[in-house]
N, C-alpha and C. Protein backbone atom coordinates (compact mmCIF):
# COMPACT_ATOMS: atom_id res chain seq x y z
N MET A 1 2.86 5.19 -73.18
CA MET A 1 3.99 4.85 -73.31
C MET A 1 4.75 6.43 -73.12
N ARG A 2 3.79 7.23 -73.16
CA ARG A 2 4.24 8.86 -73.03
C ARG A 2 4.18 8.84 -71.61
N GLN A 3 3.25 8.28 -70.84
CA GLN A 3 2.90 8.35 -69.20
C GLN A 3 4.39 7.74 -68.63
N ALA A 4 4.70 6.59 -69.20
CA ALA A 4 5.78 5.94 -68.78
C ALA A 4 7.35 6.93 -69.21
N SER A 5 7.17 7.22 -69.91
CA SER A 5 8.58 8.07 -70.38
C SER A 5 8.65 9.61 -69.10
N ARG A 6 7.03 9.84 -69.16
CA ARG A 6 7.16 11.30 -68.36
C ARG A 6 7.41 10.84 -66.77
N SER A 7 7.31 9.38 -66.41
CA SER A 7 7.54 8.90 -64.83
C SER A 7 8.87 8.93 -65.01
N LEU A 8 9.34 8.55 -65.78
CA LEU A 8 10.98 8.08 -65.92
C LEU A 8 11.68 9.48 -65.61
N VAL A 9 11.27 10.76 -66.73
CA VAL A 9 11.77 12.01 -66.46
C VAL A 9 11.82 12.51 -64.93
N VAL A 10 10.33 12.47 -64.24
CA VAL A 10 10.32 12.85 -63.21
C VAL A 10 11.26 12.24 -62.28
N THR A 11 11.02 11.18 -62.08
CA THR A 11 12.33 10.11 -61.37
C THR A 11 13.80 10.82 -61.39
N ILE A 12 14.09 10.83 -62.82
CA ILE A 12 15.50 11.37 -63.09
C ILE A 12 15.94 12.88 -62.21
N VAL A 13 14.82 13.60 -62.55
CA VAL A 13 14.81 14.98 -61.72
C VAL A 13 14.48 14.87 -60.24
N ALA A 14 13.76 13.89 -60.03
CA ALA A 14 14.07 14.08 -58.71
C ALA A 14 15.26 13.32 -57.75
N LEU A 15 15.96 12.04 -58.54
CA LEU A 15 17.77 11.82 -57.89
C LEU A 15 18.17 12.68 -58.41
N PHE A 16 18.29 13.61 -59.16
CA PHE A 16 19.26 14.54 -59.36
C PHE A 16 19.23 15.63 -58.40
N TRP A 17 18.12 15.74 -58.12
CA TRP A 17 17.89 17.21 -57.10
C TRP A 17 18.30 16.62 -55.57
N ALA A 18 18.03 15.03 -55.70
CA ALA A 18 18.20 15.12 -54.23
C ALA A 18 19.41 14.37 -53.91
N THR A 19 20.29 14.16 -54.62
CA THR A 19 21.97 13.95 -54.96
C THR A 19 22.69 15.36 -55.29
N GLY A 20 22.27 16.05 -56.06
CA GLY A 20 22.74 17.26 -56.28
C GLY A 20 22.89 18.60 -55.53
N PHE A 21 21.43 18.90 -54.95
CA PHE A 21 21.12 19.80 -54.46
C PHE A 21 20.90 19.68 -53.03
N CYS A 22 20.45 18.29 -52.55
CA CYS A 22 20.03 18.12 -51.17
C CYS A 22 21.57 17.38 -50.31
N GLN A 23 22.40 17.99 -50.83
CA GLN A 23 23.99 17.04 -49.96
C GLN A 23 23.95 17.27 -48.61
N ALA A 24 24.13 16.64 -47.86
CA ALA A 24 24.31 16.38 -46.70
C ALA A 24 25.26 17.01 -45.83
N ALA A 25 25.12 18.12 -44.67
CA ALA A 25 25.76 18.54 -44.00
C ALA A 25 27.09 17.89 -43.78
N SER A 26 28.36 18.63 -43.95
CA SER A 26 29.28 18.04 -43.09
C SER A 26 30.58 18.72 -42.37
N VAL A 27 31.06 18.25 -41.67
CA VAL A 27 31.95 18.83 -40.28
C VAL A 27 33.06 18.45 -40.89
N THR A 28 34.18 19.20 -40.37
CA THR A 28 35.81 18.94 -40.66
C THR A 28 36.70 19.73 -39.26
N LEU A 29 37.49 19.05 -39.33
CA LEU A 29 38.63 20.14 -38.16
C LEU A 29 39.81 20.69 -38.74
N VAL A 30 39.87 21.58 -38.00
CA VAL A 30 40.94 22.78 -38.94
C VAL A 30 41.60 23.28 -37.67
N PRO A 31 43.41 22.69 -37.59
CA PRO A 31 43.65 22.74 -36.76
C PRO A 31 44.72 23.86 -36.54
N ALA A 32 45.54 24.58 -35.37
CA ALA A 32 46.31 25.50 -35.22
C ALA A 32 47.23 25.25 -34.41
N PRO A 33 48.94 24.87 -34.75
CA PRO A 33 49.10 25.23 -36.14
C PRO A 33 48.62 24.36 -36.96
N ALA A 34 48.92 24.59 -38.30
CA ALA A 34 48.39 23.59 -39.32
C ALA A 34 49.55 22.39 -39.39
N ASP A 35 50.39 22.20 -39.32
CA ASP A 35 51.42 21.41 -39.51
C ASP A 35 51.73 20.76 -37.79
N LEU A 36 51.34 19.43 -37.86
CA LEU A 36 51.30 18.60 -36.59
C LEU A 36 52.43 17.45 -37.19
N SER A 37 53.44 18.00 -37.97
CA SER A 37 54.15 16.47 -37.94
C SER A 37 55.34 16.34 -36.95
N ALA A 38 55.77 17.84 -36.29
CA ALA A 38 56.86 18.08 -35.73
C ALA A 38 56.69 18.50 -34.08
N LEU A 39 55.22 18.18 -33.56
CA LEU A 39 55.19 18.68 -32.16
C LEU A 39 56.16 18.56 -31.29
N GLN A 40 56.23 19.51 -30.28
CA GLN A 40 57.18 19.17 -28.69
C GLN A 40 56.22 19.00 -27.82
N ILE A 41 56.77 18.25 -27.06
CA ILE A 41 55.93 18.39 -25.59
C ILE A 41 56.12 19.64 -25.03
N GLY A 42 54.99 20.05 -24.63
CA GLY A 42 53.99 20.91 -24.13
C GLY A 42 53.44 21.95 -24.92
N ASP A 43 53.86 21.61 -26.81
CA ASP A 43 52.85 22.21 -27.48
C ASP A 43 51.47 22.19 -27.74
N THR A 44 50.47 23.09 -27.75
CA THR A 44 49.08 23.23 -27.61
C THR A 44 48.42 23.06 -28.74
N ILE A 45 47.65 22.48 -29.32
CA ILE A 45 47.00 21.85 -30.41
C ILE A 45 45.65 22.69 -30.48
N SER A 46 45.06 23.78 -31.34
CA SER A 46 43.96 24.42 -31.09
C SER A 46 43.14 23.98 -32.34
N ILE A 47 41.99 23.32 -31.81
CA ILE A 47 41.02 22.51 -32.93
C ILE A 47 39.59 23.55 -33.51
N ASP A 48 39.24 23.78 -34.18
CA ASP A 48 38.01 24.28 -34.48
C ASP A 48 37.53 23.20 -35.23
N VAL A 49 36.32 22.93 -34.88
CA VAL A 49 35.14 22.05 -35.86
C VAL A 49 34.37 22.89 -36.36
N VAL A 50 34.40 22.55 -37.81
CA VAL A 50 33.96 23.19 -38.74
C VAL A 50 32.34 23.10 -39.21
N LEU A 51 31.25 23.32 -39.01
CA LEU A 51 29.73 22.88 -39.66
C LEU A 51 29.91 23.70 -41.74
N ASN A 52 29.62 22.75 -42.85
CA ASN A 52 29.56 22.96 -44.12
C ASN A 52 28.75 22.59 -44.56
N GLY A 53 28.06 22.93 -45.65
CA GLY A 53 27.33 22.63 -46.50
C GLY A 53 25.55 22.46 -45.45
N LEU A 54 25.49 23.46 -44.48
CA LEU A 54 23.76 23.59 -44.15
C LEU A 54 23.32 24.07 -45.29
N ALA A 55 22.28 23.51 -45.65
CA ALA A 55 21.66 24.37 -46.61
C ALA A 55 20.60 25.32 -46.22
N ALA A 56 20.33 26.29 -47.21
CA ALA A 56 19.95 27.80 -46.98
C ALA A 56 18.56 27.29 -46.57
N GLY A 57 17.89 27.74 -45.30
CA GLY A 57 16.81 27.62 -45.07
C GLY A 57 16.48 26.37 -43.86
N ASP A 58 18.01 25.89 -43.80
CA ASP A 58 17.66 24.64 -42.89
C ASP A 58 17.84 24.80 -41.58
N GLU A 59 17.35 24.62 -40.30
CA GLU A 59 17.40 24.91 -39.36
C GLU A 59 17.79 23.40 -38.12
N LEU A 60 19.10 24.08 -37.63
CA LEU A 60 19.60 22.54 -36.43
C LEU A 60 18.86 22.79 -35.18
N GLU A 61 18.27 21.85 -35.30
CA GLU A 61 17.74 21.55 -33.33
C GLU A 61 18.54 20.98 -32.80
N PHE A 62 19.22 20.49 -33.02
CA PHE A 62 20.32 19.44 -32.39
C PHE A 62 21.84 19.72 -33.02
N LEU A 63 22.68 19.23 -32.81
CA LEU A 63 24.26 18.97 -33.59
C LEU A 63 25.09 18.50 -32.34
N GLY A 64 25.38 17.09 -32.69
CA GLY A 64 26.64 17.01 -31.71
C GLY A 64 27.58 15.71 -32.38
N VAL A 65 28.71 16.40 -31.88
CA VAL A 65 30.03 15.93 -32.60
C VAL A 65 31.13 15.70 -31.50
N THR A 66 31.75 14.31 -31.56
CA THR A 66 32.42 13.67 -30.81
C THR A 66 33.65 13.68 -31.72
N VAL A 67 35.28 13.75 -31.25
CA VAL A 67 36.29 13.63 -31.88
C VAL A 67 36.95 12.90 -31.08
N GLY A 68 37.33 12.31 -31.69
CA GLY A 68 38.72 11.13 -31.05
C GLY A 68 39.95 11.42 -31.07
N PHE A 69 41.07 11.26 -30.39
CA PHE A 69 42.49 11.40 -30.59
C PHE A 69 43.15 10.41 -29.65
N ASP A 70 44.66 10.32 -30.17
CA ASP A 70 45.53 9.15 -29.81
C ASP A 70 46.03 9.92 -28.35
N ALA A 71 45.45 8.81 -26.98
CA ALA A 71 46.07 10.20 -25.68
C ALA A 71 46.52 8.52 -24.66
N PRO A 72 47.63 8.68 -24.20
CA PRO A 72 48.91 9.49 -24.78
C PRO A 72 48.95 9.24 -26.42
N PRO A 73 49.90 10.34 -27.40
CA PRO A 73 50.70 11.34 -26.83
C PRO A 73 50.22 12.71 -26.20
N LEU A 74 48.53 12.77 -26.71
CA LEU A 74 48.31 13.94 -26.42
C LEU A 74 47.41 13.72 -24.76
N GLY A 75 47.04 14.67 -24.64
CA GLY A 75 46.79 15.17 -23.08
C GLY A 75 45.00 14.80 -23.22
N THR A 76 44.22 15.29 -22.06
CA THR A 76 42.88 16.00 -21.88
C THR A 76 42.73 16.97 -22.94
N ALA A 77 41.62 16.94 -23.53
CA ALA A 77 40.84 18.27 -24.21
C ALA A 77 40.40 19.12 -23.05
N THR A 78 40.79 20.22 -23.32
CA THR A 78 40.50 21.65 -22.55
C THR A 78 39.41 22.83 -23.52
N ASN A 79 39.62 24.10 -22.74
CA ASN A 79 39.42 24.98 -23.12
C ASN A 79 37.91 24.88 -24.19
N PHE A 80 36.88 24.52 -24.10
CA PHE A 80 35.89 23.86 -25.08
C PHE A 80 35.20 25.41 -25.12
N THR A 81 34.93 25.89 -26.02
CA THR A 81 34.43 27.04 -26.65
C THR A 81 33.50 26.89 -27.44
N PRO A 82 32.32 27.73 -27.05
CA PRO A 82 30.94 27.82 -28.91
C PRO A 82 31.65 28.16 -29.67
N GLY A 83 31.23 28.34 -31.32
CA GLY A 83 31.71 29.10 -32.22
C GLY A 83 30.78 29.79 -32.49
N THR A 84 31.15 30.31 -33.59
CA THR A 84 30.00 31.61 -34.25
C THR A 84 28.60 31.10 -34.59
N ILE A 85 28.43 30.15 -34.63
CA ILE A 85 27.16 29.36 -35.50
C ILE A 85 26.68 29.25 -34.63
N VAL A 86 26.96 29.24 -33.27
CA VAL A 86 25.98 28.31 -31.58
C VAL A 86 25.34 30.11 -31.82
N PRO A 87 23.91 29.99 -31.37
CA PRO A 87 23.20 31.17 -31.16
C PRO A 87 23.24 31.75 -30.05
N ASP A 88 23.11 30.55 -28.97
CA ASP A 88 22.99 31.04 -27.59
C ASP A 88 23.93 29.99 -26.73
N PRO A 89 25.34 30.31 -26.09
CA PRO A 89 26.24 29.29 -25.68
C PRO A 89 25.63 28.72 -24.54
N ALA A 90 24.44 29.28 -24.02
CA ALA A 90 23.54 28.25 -22.77
C ALA A 90 23.32 26.84 -23.54
N GLY A 91 22.87 26.55 -24.91
CA GLY A 91 22.88 25.36 -25.64
C GLY A 91 23.61 24.14 -25.70
N PHE A 92 24.96 24.97 -25.44
CA PHE A 92 26.02 24.09 -25.81
C PHE A 92 26.72 23.68 -24.80
N VAL A 93 27.19 22.22 -25.08
CA VAL A 93 27.88 21.82 -23.86
C VAL A 93 28.69 20.88 -24.45
N GLY A 94 30.09 21.38 -23.63
CA GLY A 94 31.84 20.45 -23.85
C GLY A 94 32.10 19.26 -22.88
N PHE A 95 32.20 18.48 -23.86
CA PHE A 95 32.76 17.35 -22.71
C PHE A 95 33.78 16.52 -23.08
N ASP A 96 34.86 15.95 -21.67
CA ASP A 96 35.93 15.44 -22.25
C ASP A 96 36.12 14.57 -21.22
N THR A 97 36.87 13.55 -22.08
CA THR A 97 37.48 11.99 -21.10
C THR A 97 38.60 11.75 -22.34
N PRO A 98 39.63 11.25 -21.40
CA PRO A 98 40.63 11.05 -22.11
C PRO A 98 40.69 10.42 -23.49
N GLY A 99 41.40 11.10 -24.76
CA GLY A 99 41.12 10.54 -25.88
C GLY A 99 39.63 10.90 -26.52
N ILE A 100 39.08 11.84 -26.05
CA ILE A 100 37.63 12.22 -26.73
C ILE A 100 37.50 13.73 -25.94
N ALA A 101 36.57 14.44 -27.32
CA ALA A 101 36.18 15.55 -27.01
C ALA A 101 34.65 15.48 -27.74
N ASP A 102 33.79 15.63 -26.83
CA ASP A 102 32.46 15.81 -27.22
C ASP A 102 31.98 17.36 -27.50
N GLY A 103 31.30 17.73 -28.50
CA GLY A 103 30.61 19.37 -27.92
C GLY A 103 29.14 18.76 -28.66
N SER A 104 28.35 19.27 -27.66
CA SER A 104 27.00 19.08 -28.56
C SER A 104 25.73 20.31 -28.17
N PHE A 105 24.76 20.78 -29.25
CA PHE A 105 24.01 21.96 -29.25
C PHE A 105 22.75 21.41 -28.95
N ASP A 106 22.19 22.08 -27.77
CA ASP A 106 20.79 21.77 -28.40
C ASP A 106 19.82 22.83 -28.05
N ALA A 107 18.68 23.18 -29.04
CA ALA A 107 18.37 24.43 -28.99
C ALA A 107 17.29 24.34 -27.64
N PHE A 108 16.71 23.21 -27.32
CA PHE A 108 15.61 23.26 -25.95
C PHE A 108 16.26 24.08 -24.63
N PHE A 109 17.69 24.14 -24.78
CA PHE A 109 18.22 24.63 -23.42
C PHE A 109 19.01 25.83 -23.91
N THR A 110 18.59 26.62 -25.03
CA THR A 110 18.81 27.95 -24.79
C THR A 110 17.72 28.86 -24.12
N LEU A 111 17.95 30.08 -24.24
CA LEU A 111 16.96 30.83 -23.22
C LEU A 111 15.64 30.56 -23.63
N SER A 112 15.89 31.03 -25.15
CA SER A 112 14.68 31.06 -25.85
C SER A 112 13.60 30.10 -25.95
N GLY A 113 14.71 28.84 -25.95
CA GLY A 113 14.16 27.81 -26.31
C GLY A 113 13.97 27.09 -27.51
N ILE A 114 13.86 27.78 -28.67
CA ILE A 114 13.49 27.92 -29.75
C ILE A 114 15.09 28.24 -30.43
N ASP A 115 15.77 28.86 -30.12
CA ASP A 115 17.10 29.57 -30.99
C ASP A 115 17.82 28.38 -31.73
N ARG A 116 18.01 28.32 -33.12
CA ARG A 116 18.43 26.97 -33.51
C ARG A 116 19.76 27.27 -34.43
N ILE A 117 20.51 26.63 -35.06
CA ILE A 117 21.79 26.87 -35.59
C ILE A 117 21.14 26.84 -37.00
N THR A 118 21.39 28.06 -37.73
CA THR A 118 21.16 28.40 -39.31
C THR A 118 22.32 28.93 -40.16
N THR A 119 23.63 28.55 -39.72
CA THR A 119 24.89 28.70 -40.60
C THR A 119 25.54 28.28 -40.69
N ASN A 120 26.99 28.27 -41.30
CA ASN A 120 27.68 27.14 -41.86
C ASN A 120 28.83 28.62 -41.13
N GLY A 121 30.08 27.36 -40.59
CA GLY A 121 31.20 28.27 -39.80
C GLY A 121 31.67 27.17 -38.39
N THR A 122 32.20 27.67 -37.84
CA THR A 122 32.86 27.00 -36.51
C THR A 122 31.71 26.89 -35.25
N PHE A 123 31.74 25.16 -35.32
CA PHE A 123 30.76 25.22 -34.45
C PHE A 123 31.17 25.03 -32.75
N PHE A 124 32.45 24.69 -32.66
CA PHE A 124 33.04 24.57 -31.49
C PHE A 124 34.49 24.58 -31.44
N SER A 125 35.40 24.57 -30.58
CA SER A 125 37.08 24.85 -30.61
C SER A 125 37.30 24.37 -29.15
N PHE A 126 38.39 23.40 -29.15
CA PHE A 126 39.29 22.99 -27.83
C PHE A 126 40.60 22.73 -28.18
N ASP A 127 41.19 22.60 -27.07
CA ASP A 127 42.64 22.60 -27.19
C ASP A 127 43.46 21.22 -26.52
N ILE A 128 44.39 20.68 -27.05
CA ILE A 128 45.02 19.47 -26.42
C ILE A 128 46.37 19.94 -27.07
N GLN A 129 46.98 19.42 -25.56
CA GLN A 129 48.42 19.46 -25.15
C GLN A 129 48.90 18.37 -25.52
N ALA A 130 50.47 18.62 -26.06
CA ALA A 130 51.42 17.04 -26.40
C ALA A 130 51.68 16.89 -25.04
N VAL A 131 51.63 15.50 -24.75
CA VAL A 131 52.50 15.01 -23.32
C VAL A 131 53.58 14.20 -23.58
N SER A 132 53.34 13.24 -24.61
CA SER A 132 54.89 12.49 -24.44
C SER A 132 54.96 12.39 -26.18
N VAL A 133 56.17 11.34 -26.33
CA VAL A 133 56.14 11.08 -27.91
C VAL A 133 55.72 10.36 -28.77
N GLY A 134 55.43 10.27 -29.59
CA GLY A 134 55.12 9.55 -29.91
C GLY A 134 53.66 10.22 -31.66
N SER A 135 53.20 9.40 -32.20
CA SER A 135 52.55 9.80 -33.01
C SER A 135 50.88 9.06 -32.77
N GLY A 136 50.05 9.87 -33.56
CA GLY A 136 48.61 9.08 -33.94
C GLY A 136 47.40 9.93 -34.68
N GLN A 137 46.17 10.05 -34.54
CA GLN A 137 45.62 10.03 -35.26
C GLN A 137 44.40 11.26 -34.90
N ILE A 138 43.84 12.66 -35.03
CA ILE A 138 42.67 13.12 -34.67
C ILE A 138 41.51 13.20 -35.31
N GLY A 139 40.65 12.37 -35.07
CA GLY A 139 39.47 12.35 -36.10
C GLY A 139 38.06 11.96 -35.41
N PHE A 140 37.06 12.18 -36.43
CA PHE A 140 35.79 11.95 -35.73
C PHE A 140 35.14 10.49 -35.78
N SER A 141 34.58 10.42 -34.22
CA SER A 141 34.19 9.01 -34.14
C SER A 141 32.22 9.53 -33.97
N PHE A 142 32.02 10.62 -34.46
CA PHE A 142 30.03 10.55 -34.24
C PHE A 142 29.93 12.22 -34.63
N ALA A 143 29.27 11.85 -35.49
CA ALA A 143 28.52 13.54 -35.84
C ALA A 143 26.60 13.00 -36.32
N ASP A 144 26.02 14.22 -35.87
CA ASP A 144 24.67 13.98 -36.24
C ASP A 144 23.91 15.20 -35.72
N ALA A 145 22.57 15.51 -36.36
CA ALA A 145 22.10 16.66 -36.57
C ALA A 145 20.54 16.48 -36.90
N LEU A 146 19.69 17.27 -36.02
CA LEU A 146 18.55 16.95 -36.05
C LEU A 146 17.91 18.34 -36.95
N ARG A 147 16.93 18.44 -37.62
CA ARG A 147 16.29 19.71 -37.99
C ARG A 147 15.27 20.29 -37.05
N SER A 148 14.71 21.03 -37.08
CA SER A 148 13.78 21.99 -36.43
C SER A 148 12.14 20.95 -36.46
N ASP A 149 12.04 19.84 -37.30
CA ASP A 149 10.88 19.31 -37.60
C ASP A 149 11.20 18.00 -37.41
N PHE A 150 12.53 17.70 -36.84
CA PHE A 150 13.47 16.62 -36.04
C PHE A 150 14.07 15.54 -37.11
N THR A 151 13.86 15.86 -38.48
CA THR A 151 14.22 14.74 -39.62
C THR A 151 16.04 14.74 -39.38
N SER A 152 16.93 14.32 -39.95
CA SER A 152 18.20 14.49 -39.86
C SER A 152 18.43 15.21 -41.46
N PRO A 153 19.35 15.92 -41.39
CA PRO A 153 20.05 16.17 -43.01
C PRO A 153 20.82 15.24 -43.41
N GLY A 154 21.44 14.48 -42.23
CA GLY A 154 22.97 13.91 -42.58
C GLY A 154 23.98 14.48 -42.29
N VAL A 155 24.96 14.40 -41.77
CA VAL A 155 26.48 15.06 -41.36
C VAL A 155 27.63 13.91 -42.27
N THR A 156 28.13 14.35 -42.57
CA THR A 156 29.15 13.75 -43.59
C THR A 156 30.72 14.16 -42.55
N THR A 157 31.91 13.44 -42.42
CA THR A 157 33.04 13.70 -41.45
C THR A 157 33.68 13.78 -42.61
N GLY A 158 34.86 14.67 -41.93
CA GLY A 158 35.95 15.37 -42.94
C GLY A 158 37.27 13.92 -42.52
N PRO A 159 38.42 14.05 -43.15
CA PRO A 159 39.45 13.32 -43.06
C PRO A 159 40.00 13.36 -41.37
N ALA A 160 40.69 12.18 -40.89
CA ALA A 160 41.54 12.65 -39.80
C ALA A 160 42.50 13.58 -40.12
N LEU A 161 43.74 14.11 -38.63
CA LEU A 161 44.20 14.60 -39.02
C LEU A 161 45.32 13.97 -38.32
N ARG A 162 46.64 14.11 -39.05
CA ARG A 162 47.79 12.87 -38.45
C ARG A 162 48.71 13.78 -37.61
N PHE A 163 49.31 13.09 -37.01
CA PHE A 163 50.49 14.02 -36.24
C PHE A 163 51.41 13.27 -35.16
N THR A 164 52.73 13.84 -35.09
CA THR A 164 53.59 13.57 -34.48
C THR A 164 54.38 14.56 -33.57
N VAL A 165 54.78 13.94 -32.11
CA VAL A 165 55.33 14.17 -31.53
C VAL A 165 56.94 13.60 -31.05
N VAL A 166 57.38 14.95 -30.92
CA VAL A 166 59.32 14.44 -31.46
C VAL A 166 59.98 14.74 -29.99
N PRO A 167 61.06 14.04 -29.71
CA PRO A 167 61.32 14.76 -28.85
C PRO A 167 62.25 16.09 -28.81
N LEU A 168 62.33 16.84 -27.51
CA LEU A 168 62.55 17.95 -27.50
C LEU A 168 64.23 17.86 -27.89
N PRO A 169 64.66 19.14 -28.18
CA PRO A 169 66.42 19.15 -28.73
C PRO A 169 67.20 18.35 -27.47
N ASN A 170 66.67 19.25 -26.45
CA ASN A 170 68.00 19.02 -25.23
C ASN A 170 67.63 17.31 -24.75
N GLN A 171 66.31 16.73 -25.18
CA GLN A 171 66.52 15.43 -24.74
C GLN A 171 66.98 14.59 -25.95
N VAL A 172 67.34 14.58 -27.18
CA VAL A 172 68.14 14.14 -28.13
C VAL A 172 69.82 14.43 -27.50
N ILE A 173 69.97 15.91 -27.02
CA ILE A 173 71.48 15.80 -26.42
C ILE A 173 71.79 14.86 -25.00
N SER A 174 70.84 14.89 -24.33
CA SER A 174 70.62 14.38 -23.13
C SER A 174 70.96 12.81 -23.46
N GLY A 175 70.47 12.37 -24.88
CA GLY A 175 70.28 10.75 -24.95
C GLY A 175 71.89 10.55 -25.40
N GLY A 176 72.37 11.51 -26.12
CA GLY A 176 73.58 11.21 -26.97
C GLY A 176 74.41 11.36 -25.92
N VAL A 177 74.49 12.38 -25.55
CA VAL A 177 75.55 12.36 -24.04
C VAL A 177 75.48 11.12 -23.17
N LEU A 178 74.47 10.80 -22.66
CA LEU A 178 74.43 9.29 -22.08
C LEU A 178 74.98 8.30 -22.55
N MET A 179 74.48 8.04 -24.53
CA MET A 179 75.47 6.98 -25.21
C MET A 179 76.87 6.78 -25.09
N ALA A 180 77.26 8.68 -24.88
CA ALA A 180 78.77 8.67 -24.97
C ALA A 180 79.39 8.30 -23.89
N LEU A 181 78.67 8.87 -22.56
CA LEU A 181 79.21 8.07 -21.20
C LEU A 181 79.36 6.67 -21.04
N LEU A 182 78.39 6.05 -21.79
CA LEU A 182 78.13 4.40 -21.51
C LEU A 182 78.81 3.67 -22.26
N VAL A 183 79.71 4.28 -23.50
CA VAL A 183 80.36 3.62 -24.60
C VAL A 183 82.00 4.24 -24.12
N GLY A 184 82.15 5.07 -23.41
CA GLY A 184 82.95 5.45 -22.65
C GLY A 184 83.67 4.89 -21.75
N GLY A 185 81.97 4.61 -20.42
CA GLY A 185 82.62 3.39 -19.39
C GLY A 185 83.21 2.08 -19.79
N HIS A 186 82.47 1.85 -21.00
CA HIS A 186 82.79 0.35 -21.28
C HIS A 186 84.24 0.20 -21.92
N LEU A 187 84.48 1.61 -22.57
CA LEU A 187 86.27 1.18 -23.31
C LEU A 187 87.19 1.34 -21.75
N LEU A 188 86.75 2.72 -21.05
CA LEU A 188 87.91 2.70 -19.67
C LEU A 188 88.00 1.55 -18.69
N ARG A 189 86.80 0.54 -18.33
CA ARG A 189 86.70 -0.81 -18.24
C ARG A 189 87.43 -1.65 -18.83
N HIS A 190 87.62 -1.60 -20.15
CA HIS A 190 88.14 -2.44 -20.99
C HIS A 190 89.51 -2.35 -20.79
N ARG A 191 89.85 -0.75 -20.92
CA ARG A 191 91.10 -0.71 -21.14
C ARG A 191 91.87 -1.34 -19.45
N SER A 192 91.21 -0.63 -18.32
CA SER A 192 91.73 -1.04 -17.11
C SER A 192 91.87 -2.36 -17.08
N HIS A 193 90.97 -3.18 -17.29
CA HIS A 193 91.12 -4.87 -17.14
C HIS A 193 92.25 -5.47 -18.12
N TYR A 194 92.67 -4.56 -19.75
CA TYR A 194 93.42 -5.08 -20.19
C TYR A 194 95.16 -4.75 -19.79
N GLN A 195 95.03 -3.72 -18.99
CA GLN A 195 96.45 -3.14 -18.00
C GLN A 195 96.45 -4.16 -16.89
N LEU A 196 95.50 -4.41 -16.50
CA LEU A 196 95.91 -5.35 -15.23
C LEU A 196 96.21 -6.85 -15.65
N GLN A 197 96.05 -7.59 -16.50
CA GLN A 197 96.11 -8.56 -17.30
C GLN A 197 97.91 -8.77 -17.41
N HIS A 198 98.36 -7.16 -18.04
CA HIS A 198 99.70 -7.43 -18.56
C HIS A 198 100.36 -6.63 -17.72
N ASN A 199 100.35 -6.30 -16.50
CA ASN A 199 101.04 -6.02 -15.23
C ASN A 199 101.81 -6.53 -14.70
């Protein structure tokens, strides 16, 4: 009975340790500007992909993150920049296709071949420009990592960012002027037709 109780206690402690102290790392998106609800065509969004929750002593041999977004209204991702946690830019690669921004780090390609990610912080940054009116999301479609022993710590992803691109003020004015001209033209034609009938 004592042995069974001891085994139960050990199991509970192990589960508590696994769930409470060995939490997976996570990645989140930090945009600038922070408010994406009223972007205008030509505005640029700068996105930081931030790593959090990397446990002390963990060293990442590989980290890969793919961010997806609605394109259009957003254009192609540009200006990929490795962040502060990347020990050697030679090990980082940024890749873009329409609607995709992908960043990966592999220690094998660093100059030493063994420089690994050991801290939390910005993994990489990129820019996207608003190119047309509309709304959508910017969010993660993939995230994974490998430790130096090639086991995975697990990587969770933060929430998607919602954005809206609104018409430029002069576009709204132009639209209003066009509508006024169309209505005015219709009324003028109607009046001319009425005068012809009654003359």
